[in-house]
N, C-alpha and C. Protein backbone atom coordinates (compact mmCIF):
# COMPACT_ATOMS: atom_id res chain seq x y z
N MET A 1 -92.76 301.25 323.24
CA MET A 1 -93.79 301.28 322.20
C MET A 1 -93.29 300.74 320.89
N LYS A 2 -92.05 301.19 320.57
CA LYS A 2 -91.43 300.76 319.22
C LYS A 2 -91.27 299.31 319.27
N ARG A 3 -90.66 298.79 320.38
CA ARG A 3 -90.63 297.33 320.49
C ARG A 3 -91.98 296.46 320.25
N LEU A 4 -92.94 297.03 320.91
CA LEU A 4 -94.30 296.45 320.79
C LEU A 4 -94.70 296.36 319.30
N LEU A 5 -94.56 297.47 318.59
CA LEU A 5 -94.93 297.56 317.24
C LEU A 5 -94.15 296.57 316.36
N VAL A 6 -92.81 296.44 316.60
CA VAL A 6 -92.01 295.63 315.87
C VAL A 6 -92.44 294.10 316.06
N THR A 7 -92.57 293.82 317.43
CA THR A 7 -93.11 292.51 317.78
C THR A 7 -94.30 292.16 317.17
N ALA A 8 -95.39 293.09 317.20
CA ALA A 8 -96.66 292.78 316.54
C ALA A 8 -96.53 292.57 315.08
N GLY A 9 -95.58 293.40 314.41
CA GLY A 9 -95.42 293.32 312.98
C GLY A 9 -94.86 292.00 312.61
N LEU A 10 -93.92 291.50 313.46
CA LEU A 10 -93.31 290.14 313.17
C LEU A 10 -94.33 289.12 313.37
N LEU A 11 -95.14 289.16 314.38
CA LEU A 11 -96.19 288.07 314.62
C LEU A 11 -97.10 288.15 313.43
N LEU A 12 -97.49 289.24 312.93
CA LEU A 12 -98.43 289.32 311.90
C LEU A 12 -97.76 288.74 310.52
N VAL A 13 -96.45 288.91 310.22
CA VAL A 13 -95.85 288.34 309.23
C VAL A 13 -95.72 286.80 309.31
N ALA A 14 -95.40 286.40 310.51
CA ALA A 14 -95.28 284.94 310.82
C ALA A 14 -96.67 284.23 310.60
N ALA A 15 -97.68 284.83 311.07
CA ALA A 15 -99.11 284.33 310.89
C ALA A 15 -99.43 284.23 309.42
N THR A 16 -99.14 285.20 308.75
CA THR A 16 -99.44 285.28 307.33
C THR A 16 -98.75 284.11 306.61
N LEU A 17 -97.36 284.05 306.80
CA LEU A 17 -96.69 282.96 306.19
C LEU A 17 -97.17 281.63 306.46
N SER A 18 -97.45 281.29 307.72
CA SER A 18 -97.84 280.00 308.04
C SER A 18 -99.37 279.77 307.45
N ALA A 19 -100.10 280.63 307.36
CA ALA A 19 -101.41 280.59 306.72
C ALA A 19 -101.34 280.25 305.26
N GLN A 20 -100.23 280.70 304.54
CA GLN A 20 -100.11 280.48 303.18
C GLN A 20 -99.56 279.14 302.87
N GLN A 21 -99.10 278.36 303.83
CA GLN A 21 -98.51 277.11 303.60
C GLN A 21 -99.79 276.09 303.43
N ALA A 22 -100.12 275.81 302.35
CA ALA A 22 -101.28 274.91 302.06
C ALA A 22 -100.92 273.43 302.14
N ALA A 23 -101.76 272.54 302.40
CA ALA A 23 -101.57 271.13 302.35
C ALA A 23 -101.12 270.74 300.96
N PRO A 24 -100.19 269.71 300.88
CA PRO A 24 -99.72 269.29 299.54
C PRO A 24 -101.00 268.87 298.74
N ALA A 25 -100.87 268.98 297.47
CA ALA A 25 -101.98 268.61 296.53
C ALA A 25 -102.16 267.07 296.54
N SER A 26 -101.03 266.30 296.72
CA SER A 26 -100.99 264.78 296.78
C SER A 26 -100.18 264.51 297.92
N PRO A 27 -100.90 264.35 299.22
CA PRO A 27 -100.09 264.17 300.36
C PRO A 27 -99.53 262.75 300.44
N ALA A 28 -98.39 262.66 301.10
CA ALA A 28 -97.79 261.27 301.26
C ALA A 28 -98.57 260.39 302.03
N ALA A 29 -98.65 259.14 301.68
CA ALA A 29 -99.42 258.08 302.47
C ALA A 29 -98.76 256.83 302.59
N THR A 30 -99.06 256.06 303.61
CA THR A 30 -98.44 254.76 303.83
C THR A 30 -99.54 253.72 304.26
N GLU A 31 -99.45 252.50 303.68
CA GLU A 31 -100.33 251.40 304.00
C GLU A 31 -99.45 250.30 304.28
N SER A 32 -99.64 249.70 305.48
CA SER A 32 -98.89 248.52 305.99
C SER A 32 -99.77 247.42 306.41
N ALA A 33 -99.15 246.17 306.45
CA ALA A 33 -99.87 245.00 306.95
C ALA A 33 -98.80 243.91 307.25
N THR A 34 -99.23 242.97 308.16
CA THR A 34 -98.32 241.90 308.45
C THR A 34 -98.82 240.66 307.86
N LEU A 35 -97.97 240.05 307.00
CA LEU A 35 -98.34 238.71 306.33
C LEU A 35 -97.42 237.73 306.58
N GLY A 36 -97.86 236.63 307.18
CA GLY A 36 -96.96 235.49 307.47
C GLY A 36 -95.96 236.10 308.55
N GLY A 37 -96.34 237.01 309.40
CA GLY A 37 -95.46 237.54 310.46
C GLY A 37 -94.44 238.49 309.96
N LYS A 38 -94.46 238.81 308.69
CA LYS A 38 -93.61 239.80 308.13
C LYS A 38 -94.22 241.10 307.50
N ALA A 39 -93.58 242.11 307.68
CA ALA A 39 -94.11 243.46 307.23
C ALA A 39 -94.04 243.74 305.75
N ILE A 40 -95.26 244.31 305.27
CA ILE A 40 -95.35 244.72 303.91
C ILE A 40 -95.85 246.19 303.90
N THR A 41 -95.24 247.02 303.13
CA THR A 41 -95.49 248.45 303.18
C THR A 41 -95.47 249.09 301.87
N ILE A 42 -96.54 249.84 301.63
CA ILE A 42 -96.62 250.58 300.40
C ILE A 42 -96.59 252.04 300.71
N THR A 43 -95.71 252.75 300.11
CA THR A 43 -95.48 254.20 300.40
C THR A 43 -95.83 255.00 299.04
N TYR A 44 -96.67 255.97 299.13
CA TYR A 44 -97.21 256.59 297.86
C TYR A 44 -97.59 257.98 298.14
N SER A 45 -97.87 258.76 297.04
CA SER A 45 -98.61 260.03 297.24
C SER A 45 -99.97 259.95 296.83
N SER A 46 -100.89 260.56 297.41
CA SER A 46 -102.38 260.34 297.20
C SER A 46 -103.05 261.51 296.57
N PRO A 47 -103.25 261.49 295.22
CA PRO A 47 -103.84 262.59 294.54
C PRO A 47 -105.27 262.49 294.74
N GLY A 48 -105.92 263.67 294.60
CA GLY A 48 -107.40 263.73 294.66
C GLY A 48 -108.08 263.79 293.32
N VAL A 49 -109.29 263.46 293.24
CA VAL A 49 -110.16 263.51 292.01
C VAL A 49 -110.38 264.96 291.64
N LYS A 50 -110.62 265.82 292.53
CA LYS A 50 -110.80 267.28 292.41
C LYS A 50 -111.78 267.57 291.25
N GLY A 51 -112.97 267.04 291.24
CA GLY A 51 -114.00 267.35 290.30
C GLY A 51 -113.72 266.67 288.89
N ARG A 52 -112.67 265.85 288.74
CA ARG A 52 -112.31 265.34 287.43
C ARG A 52 -112.80 263.91 287.19
N ALA A 53 -113.90 263.42 288.07
CA ALA A 53 -114.52 262.14 287.91
C ALA A 53 -114.87 261.97 286.47
N GLY A 54 -114.58 260.75 285.95
CA GLY A 54 -114.91 260.40 284.61
C GLY A 54 -113.94 260.97 283.51
N HIS A 55 -112.89 261.65 284.09
CA HIS A 55 -111.94 262.33 283.16
C HIS A 55 -110.49 261.91 283.56
N LEU A 56 -110.30 260.80 284.28
CA LEU A 56 -108.99 260.47 284.70
C LEU A 56 -108.40 259.31 283.88
N PHE A 57 -109.27 258.24 283.74
CA PHE A 57 -108.82 256.96 283.07
C PHE A 57 -109.08 256.84 281.57
N THR A 58 -109.88 257.75 281.01
CA THR A 58 -110.26 257.47 279.61
C THR A 58 -108.92 257.76 278.77
N LYS A 59 -109.16 257.43 277.43
CA LYS A 59 -108.07 257.54 276.46
C LYS A 59 -107.56 259.03 276.32
N ASP A 60 -108.45 259.96 276.53
CA ASP A 60 -108.13 261.37 276.38
C ASP A 60 -108.10 261.99 277.86
N GLY A 61 -108.14 261.14 278.86
CA GLY A 61 -108.28 261.75 280.28
C GLY A 61 -106.98 262.18 280.79
N LEU A 62 -106.93 262.72 281.96
CA LEU A 62 -105.73 263.33 282.68
C LEU A 62 -104.49 262.41 282.58
N ILE A 63 -104.70 261.13 282.97
CA ILE A 63 -103.55 260.29 283.05
C ILE A 63 -102.90 259.94 281.52
N SER A 64 -103.76 259.99 280.51
CA SER A 64 -103.21 259.82 279.13
C SER A 64 -102.18 260.83 278.77
N HIS A 65 -101.98 261.89 279.45
CA HIS A 65 -101.09 263.00 279.08
C HIS A 65 -99.66 262.60 279.73
N ASN A 66 -99.56 261.66 280.59
CA ASN A 66 -98.37 261.31 281.25
C ASN A 66 -97.50 260.60 280.12
N PRO A 67 -96.15 260.81 280.20
CA PRO A 67 -95.36 260.35 279.13
C PRO A 67 -95.31 258.73 278.98
N GLY A 68 -95.52 258.08 280.07
CA GLY A 68 -95.39 256.55 279.95
C GLY A 68 -96.77 255.93 279.66
N TYR A 69 -97.80 256.75 279.42
CA TYR A 69 -99.20 256.21 279.27
C TYR A 69 -99.01 255.12 278.11
N PRO A 70 -99.72 253.89 278.34
CA PRO A 70 -100.78 253.52 279.31
C PRO A 70 -100.28 253.09 280.60
N VAL A 71 -98.95 253.11 280.81
CA VAL A 71 -98.46 252.72 282.14
C VAL A 71 -98.61 253.98 283.04
N TRP A 72 -99.23 253.67 284.22
CA TRP A 72 -99.53 254.82 285.13
C TRP A 72 -98.82 254.55 286.38
N ARG A 73 -98.33 255.64 286.94
CA ARG A 73 -97.45 255.56 288.29
C ARG A 73 -98.32 255.18 289.47
N ALA A 74 -99.50 255.04 289.32
CA ALA A 74 -100.32 254.52 290.47
C ALA A 74 -100.13 255.23 291.79
N GLY A 75 -100.10 256.63 291.59
CA GLY A 75 -100.06 257.53 292.71
C GLY A 75 -99.62 258.85 292.07
N ALA A 76 -98.99 259.59 292.90
CA ALA A 76 -98.42 261.00 292.33
C ALA A 76 -96.95 261.18 292.89
N ASN A 77 -96.40 262.12 292.23
CA ASN A 77 -95.00 262.58 292.72
C ASN A 77 -94.03 261.37 292.46
N VAL A 78 -93.24 261.04 293.60
CA VAL A 78 -92.24 260.03 293.53
C VAL A 78 -93.01 258.67 293.23
N ALA A 79 -92.26 257.64 292.59
CA ALA A 79 -92.88 256.51 292.30
C ALA A 79 -93.35 255.62 293.62
N THR A 80 -94.48 254.99 293.47
CA THR A 80 -95.05 254.20 294.48
C THR A 80 -94.11 253.08 294.95
N LYS A 81 -93.80 252.96 296.16
CA LYS A 81 -92.85 252.01 296.61
C LYS A 81 -93.56 250.93 297.29
N LEU A 82 -93.10 249.57 297.11
CA LEU A 82 -93.59 248.42 297.77
C LEU A 82 -92.27 247.82 298.44
N HIS A 83 -92.38 247.73 299.84
CA HIS A 83 -91.30 247.14 300.59
C HIS A 83 -91.92 245.86 301.23
N THR A 84 -91.21 244.73 301.11
CA THR A 84 -91.73 243.53 301.68
C THR A 84 -90.53 242.80 302.38
N ASP A 85 -90.72 242.50 303.68
CA ASP A 85 -89.85 241.61 304.35
C ASP A 85 -89.99 240.16 304.16
N ALA A 86 -91.06 239.77 303.42
CA ALA A 86 -91.44 238.41 303.17
C ALA A 86 -91.23 238.13 301.76
N ASP A 87 -90.94 236.88 301.34
CA ASP A 87 -91.07 236.53 299.91
C ASP A 87 -92.50 236.42 299.73
N LEU A 88 -93.05 237.00 298.66
CA LEU A 88 -94.50 236.99 298.34
C LEU A 88 -94.85 236.40 297.01
N THR A 89 -96.12 235.90 296.88
CA THR A 89 -96.72 235.68 295.65
C THR A 89 -97.84 236.79 295.52
N ILE A 90 -97.79 237.53 294.41
CA ILE A 90 -98.72 238.55 294.17
C ILE A 90 -99.41 238.05 292.80
N GLY A 91 -100.74 237.58 292.98
CA GLY A 91 -101.43 236.84 292.02
C GLY A 91 -100.54 235.60 291.68
N ASP A 92 -100.05 235.47 290.54
CA ASP A 92 -99.13 234.24 290.31
C ASP A 92 -97.66 234.74 290.13
N LEU A 93 -97.31 235.86 290.58
CA LEU A 93 -96.01 236.46 290.33
C LEU A 93 -95.20 236.19 291.68
N ALA A 94 -94.12 235.55 291.62
CA ALA A 94 -93.16 235.41 292.71
C ALA A 94 -92.34 236.68 292.89
N VAL A 95 -92.44 237.24 294.13
CA VAL A 95 -91.75 238.57 294.45
C VAL A 95 -90.86 238.37 295.69
N PRO A 96 -89.55 238.24 295.48
CA PRO A 96 -88.62 238.08 296.58
C PRO A 96 -88.67 239.23 297.56
N ALA A 97 -88.37 239.08 298.88
CA ALA A 97 -88.24 240.10 299.78
C ALA A 97 -87.44 241.26 299.22
N GLY A 98 -87.83 242.43 299.57
CA GLY A 98 -87.00 243.69 298.98
C GLY A 98 -87.91 244.79 298.65
N ASP A 99 -87.39 245.70 297.89
CA ASP A 99 -88.01 246.95 297.50
C ASP A 99 -88.32 246.91 296.05
N TYR A 100 -89.52 247.45 295.66
CA TYR A 100 -90.03 247.49 294.35
C TYR A 100 -90.71 248.79 294.10
N THR A 101 -91.06 248.97 292.86
CA THR A 101 -91.95 250.11 292.46
C THR A 101 -93.23 249.54 291.87
N LEU A 102 -94.35 250.13 292.11
CA LEU A 102 -95.61 249.67 291.62
C LEU A 102 -95.99 250.64 290.47
N PHE A 103 -96.49 250.17 289.32
CA PHE A 103 -97.19 250.86 288.32
C PHE A 103 -98.29 250.04 287.90
N VAL A 104 -99.21 250.66 287.07
CA VAL A 104 -100.43 250.00 286.72
C VAL A 104 -100.63 250.30 285.17
N ASP A 105 -100.80 249.16 284.43
CA ASP A 105 -101.17 249.34 282.88
C ASP A 105 -102.66 249.57 282.87
N ILE A 106 -103.00 250.65 282.35
CA ILE A 106 -104.48 251.07 282.23
C ILE A 106 -104.82 251.12 280.72
N SER A 107 -104.20 250.29 279.92
CA SER A 107 -104.59 250.29 278.48
C SER A 107 -106.03 250.14 278.26
N ASP A 108 -106.68 249.21 279.10
CA ASP A 108 -108.11 249.18 279.24
C ASP A 108 -108.42 249.60 280.61
N PRO A 109 -109.05 250.79 280.72
CA PRO A 109 -109.38 251.31 282.03
C PRO A 109 -110.25 250.50 282.99
N ASP A 110 -110.91 249.55 282.42
CA ASP A 110 -111.80 248.67 283.13
C ASP A 110 -111.04 247.35 283.52
N ASN A 111 -109.90 247.18 283.10
CA ASN A 111 -109.17 245.99 283.36
C ASN A 111 -107.62 246.29 283.60
N TRP A 112 -107.27 246.50 284.84
CA TRP A 112 -105.95 247.06 285.07
C TRP A 112 -105.00 245.80 285.35
N THR A 113 -103.77 246.09 285.01
CA THR A 113 -102.69 245.10 285.31
C THR A 113 -101.61 245.70 286.16
N LEU A 114 -101.44 245.16 287.33
CA LEU A 114 -100.42 245.63 288.30
C LEU A 114 -98.97 245.22 287.74
N ILE A 115 -98.03 246.20 287.67
CA ILE A 115 -96.73 246.01 287.33
C ILE A 115 -95.73 246.10 288.60
N VAL A 116 -95.04 245.09 288.87
CA VAL A 116 -94.13 245.08 289.93
C VAL A 116 -92.62 245.32 289.15
N ASN A 117 -92.00 246.46 289.47
CA ASN A 117 -90.82 246.89 288.74
C ASN A 117 -89.70 246.85 289.74
N LYS A 118 -88.53 246.41 289.28
CA LYS A 118 -87.34 246.31 290.10
C LYS A 118 -86.58 247.67 290.34
N GLN A 119 -86.77 248.66 289.57
CA GLN A 119 -86.12 249.84 289.68
C GLN A 119 -86.74 250.66 290.84
N VAL A 120 -85.98 251.22 291.72
CA VAL A 120 -86.54 251.98 292.81
C VAL A 120 -85.91 253.33 292.97
N GLY A 121 -86.70 254.22 293.64
CA GLY A 121 -86.09 255.60 293.86
C GLY A 121 -86.36 256.61 292.81
N GLN A 122 -86.98 256.27 291.77
CA GLN A 122 -87.18 257.25 290.63
C GLN A 122 -88.45 258.08 290.84
N TRP A 123 -88.52 259.15 290.08
CA TRP A 123 -89.62 259.95 290.03
C TRP A 123 -90.69 259.03 289.42
N GLY A 124 -91.99 259.28 289.74
CA GLY A 124 -93.15 258.43 289.25
C GLY A 124 -93.30 258.25 287.90
N LEU A 125 -92.87 259.19 286.99
CA LEU A 125 -93.15 259.19 285.48
C LEU A 125 -91.98 258.50 284.90
N SER A 126 -90.97 258.11 285.63
CA SER A 126 -89.80 257.34 284.94
C SER A 126 -90.14 255.77 285.02
N TYR A 127 -90.47 255.20 284.01
CA TYR A 127 -90.80 253.86 283.85
C TYR A 127 -89.82 253.14 282.89
N ASP A 128 -89.28 252.04 283.24
CA ASP A 128 -88.40 251.28 282.36
C ASP A 128 -88.78 249.92 282.40
N LYS A 129 -89.49 249.52 281.30
CA LYS A 129 -90.13 248.22 281.22
C LYS A 129 -89.17 247.10 281.39
N SER A 130 -87.86 247.29 280.97
CA SER A 130 -86.92 246.17 281.03
C SER A 130 -86.71 245.83 282.52
N GLN A 131 -87.02 246.75 283.39
CA GLN A 131 -86.88 246.42 284.82
C GLN A 131 -88.13 245.79 285.52
N ASP A 132 -89.13 245.42 284.75
CA ASP A 132 -90.26 244.82 285.30
C ASP A 132 -89.95 243.36 285.84
N LEU A 133 -90.31 243.17 287.05
CA LEU A 133 -90.23 241.80 287.66
C LEU A 133 -91.41 240.95 287.07
N GLY A 134 -92.56 241.66 286.91
CA GLY A 134 -93.68 240.84 286.32
C GLY A 134 -94.95 241.73 286.37
N ARG A 135 -95.98 241.10 285.76
CA ARG A 135 -97.40 241.75 285.66
C ARG A 135 -98.44 240.78 286.19
N VAL A 136 -99.39 241.38 286.74
CA VAL A 136 -100.54 240.62 287.38
C VAL A 136 -101.77 241.35 287.02
N LYS A 137 -102.83 240.59 286.32
CA LYS A 137 -104.18 241.05 286.20
C LYS A 137 -104.81 241.29 287.54
N MET A 138 -105.48 242.57 287.54
CA MET A 138 -106.18 242.85 288.78
C MET A 138 -107.71 242.58 288.69
N LYS A 139 -108.40 242.11 289.68
CA LYS A 139 -109.75 241.92 289.59
C LYS A 139 -110.40 243.27 289.82
N MET A 140 -111.32 243.79 288.94
CA MET A 140 -111.86 245.13 288.99
C MET A 140 -113.22 245.16 289.68
N GLU A 141 -113.51 246.18 290.31
CA GLU A 141 -114.82 246.41 290.97
C GLU A 141 -115.10 247.92 291.02
N LYS A 142 -116.29 248.28 291.25
CA LYS A 142 -116.73 249.57 291.43
C LYS A 142 -116.92 249.82 292.91
N PRO A 143 -116.24 250.72 293.50
CA PRO A 143 -116.47 251.03 294.95
C PRO A 143 -117.90 251.62 295.18
N PRO A 144 -118.48 251.47 296.33
CA PRO A 144 -119.80 251.94 296.63
C PRO A 144 -119.98 253.39 296.47
N ALA A 145 -118.98 254.10 296.54
CA ALA A 145 -118.99 255.65 296.29
C ALA A 145 -117.72 256.06 295.70
N LEU A 146 -117.70 257.32 295.24
CA LEU A 146 -116.48 257.93 294.64
C LEU A 146 -115.41 257.94 295.69
N VAL A 147 -114.16 257.53 295.36
CA VAL A 147 -113.02 257.55 296.15
C VAL A 147 -112.26 258.78 295.78
N GLU A 148 -112.48 259.74 296.60
CA GLU A 148 -111.77 261.10 296.19
C GLU A 148 -110.35 261.11 296.21
N ASN A 149 -109.69 260.51 297.24
CA ASN A 149 -108.21 260.43 297.24
C ASN A 149 -107.78 258.98 296.99
N LEU A 150 -106.76 258.84 296.04
CA LEU A 150 -106.21 257.50 295.83
C LEU A 150 -105.72 256.85 297.14
N LYS A 151 -106.08 255.55 297.23
CA LYS A 151 -105.61 254.85 298.43
C LYS A 151 -105.31 253.41 298.07
N TYR A 152 -104.25 252.89 298.77
CA TYR A 152 -103.98 251.35 298.72
C TYR A 152 -104.51 250.89 300.00
N ILE A 153 -105.09 249.60 299.98
CA ILE A 153 -105.44 248.83 301.13
C ILE A 153 -104.81 247.42 301.19
N LEU A 154 -104.15 247.21 302.04
CA LEU A 154 -103.52 245.85 302.36
C LEU A 154 -104.39 245.15 303.33
N LYS A 155 -104.93 244.01 303.10
CA LYS A 155 -105.66 243.19 304.03
C LYS A 155 -104.95 241.84 304.20
N ALA A 156 -104.82 241.41 305.36
CA ALA A 156 -104.00 240.22 305.64
C ALA A 156 -104.65 239.37 306.72
N SER A 157 -104.55 238.06 306.56
CA SER A 157 -104.96 237.10 307.54
C SER A 157 -104.09 235.87 307.39
N GLY A 158 -103.23 235.80 308.40
CA GLY A 158 -102.23 234.81 308.45
C GLY A 158 -101.25 234.97 307.27
N ASN A 159 -101.14 233.92 306.40
CA ASN A 159 -100.18 234.19 305.25
C ASN A 159 -100.76 234.70 304.00
N THR A 160 -102.12 234.97 303.98
CA THR A 160 -102.75 235.41 302.71
C THR A 160 -103.42 236.68 302.99
N GLY A 161 -103.78 237.41 301.78
CA GLY A 161 -104.44 238.67 302.01
C GLY A 161 -104.66 239.23 300.49
N THR A 162 -104.89 240.54 300.42
CA THR A 162 -105.12 241.26 299.25
C THR A 162 -104.56 242.47 299.25
N LEU A 163 -104.13 243.04 298.13
CA LEU A 163 -103.59 244.39 297.84
C LEU A 163 -104.67 245.17 296.89
N SER A 164 -105.21 246.23 297.44
CA SER A 164 -106.23 246.92 296.58
C SER A 164 -105.70 248.27 296.23
N LEU A 165 -106.04 248.87 295.19
CA LEU A 165 -105.81 250.20 294.78
C LEU A 165 -107.21 250.81 294.39
N LEU A 166 -107.52 251.84 295.01
CA LEU A 166 -108.86 252.54 294.88
C LEU A 166 -108.66 253.98 294.49
N TRP A 167 -109.29 254.37 293.36
CA TRP A 167 -109.40 255.90 293.10
C TRP A 167 -110.43 256.07 292.23
N GLU A 168 -111.14 257.14 292.37
CA GLU A 168 -112.26 257.58 291.60
C GLU A 168 -113.47 256.55 291.58
N ASN A 169 -113.87 255.91 290.49
CA ASN A 169 -114.86 254.99 290.59
C ASN A 169 -114.33 253.61 290.31
N LEU A 170 -113.10 253.30 290.60
CA LEU A 170 -112.48 252.01 290.23
C LEU A 170 -111.69 251.46 291.47
N CYS A 171 -111.64 250.23 291.46
CA CYS A 171 -110.90 249.36 292.56
C CYS A 171 -110.35 248.18 291.91
N GLY A 172 -108.90 248.16 291.86
CA GLY A 172 -108.26 246.83 291.37
C GLY A 172 -107.69 246.12 292.62
N THR A 173 -107.86 244.80 292.54
CA THR A 173 -107.46 244.05 293.75
C THR A 173 -106.62 242.80 293.18
N VAL A 174 -105.57 242.31 293.85
CA VAL A 174 -104.88 241.18 293.59
C VAL A 174 -104.62 240.43 294.89
N PRO A 175 -104.65 239.05 294.84
CA PRO A 175 -104.34 238.28 295.99
C PRO A 175 -102.84 238.30 296.31
N VAL A 176 -102.48 238.21 297.58
CA VAL A 176 -101.14 238.28 297.94
C VAL A 176 -101.06 237.24 299.08
N ALA A 177 -99.81 236.54 299.00
CA ALA A 177 -99.59 235.37 299.99
C ALA A 177 -98.05 235.44 300.35
N ALA A 178 -97.81 235.16 301.50
CA ALA A 178 -96.36 235.08 301.98
C ALA A 178 -95.91 233.58 301.72
N LYS A 179 -94.74 233.44 301.27
CA LYS A 179 -94.18 232.11 301.08
C LYS A 179 -93.67 231.51 302.38
């Protein structure tokens, strides 16, 4: 009987501990595509709007409190990583095959600028402008509905495609091409 009570107690503790492990606030996500026969991958953490619609991108919004503002980490947690096996053109920016970090300048919340940065492996709030490979204006649109969780979308057809970043009520897109 004593063994049965001990076993039941251990099972209860294990069940309680596993129930307390909540999903991460900004889960890890990956978006991949093949462009010109070569892999392109974006690895990021995906924060949620969580009732803050209209209070993320404004000058006094949530992101404005980040130390690098108006440069935004374009995700959460560790910096958003771009890996490309192909030499790319993103907008009019030449991006050699390799690893990069993506940031977005949101000085004007309705007109984003994608930043491709050569520094990799840093926490998302660590931004060093001297490491910028370059910047590309994004075409802005409003998605048909609120985008609760930040997401990247890579669309490819042959050697060309698009890279889009969607969150809240905004979507920024840039053309991408394999060289």
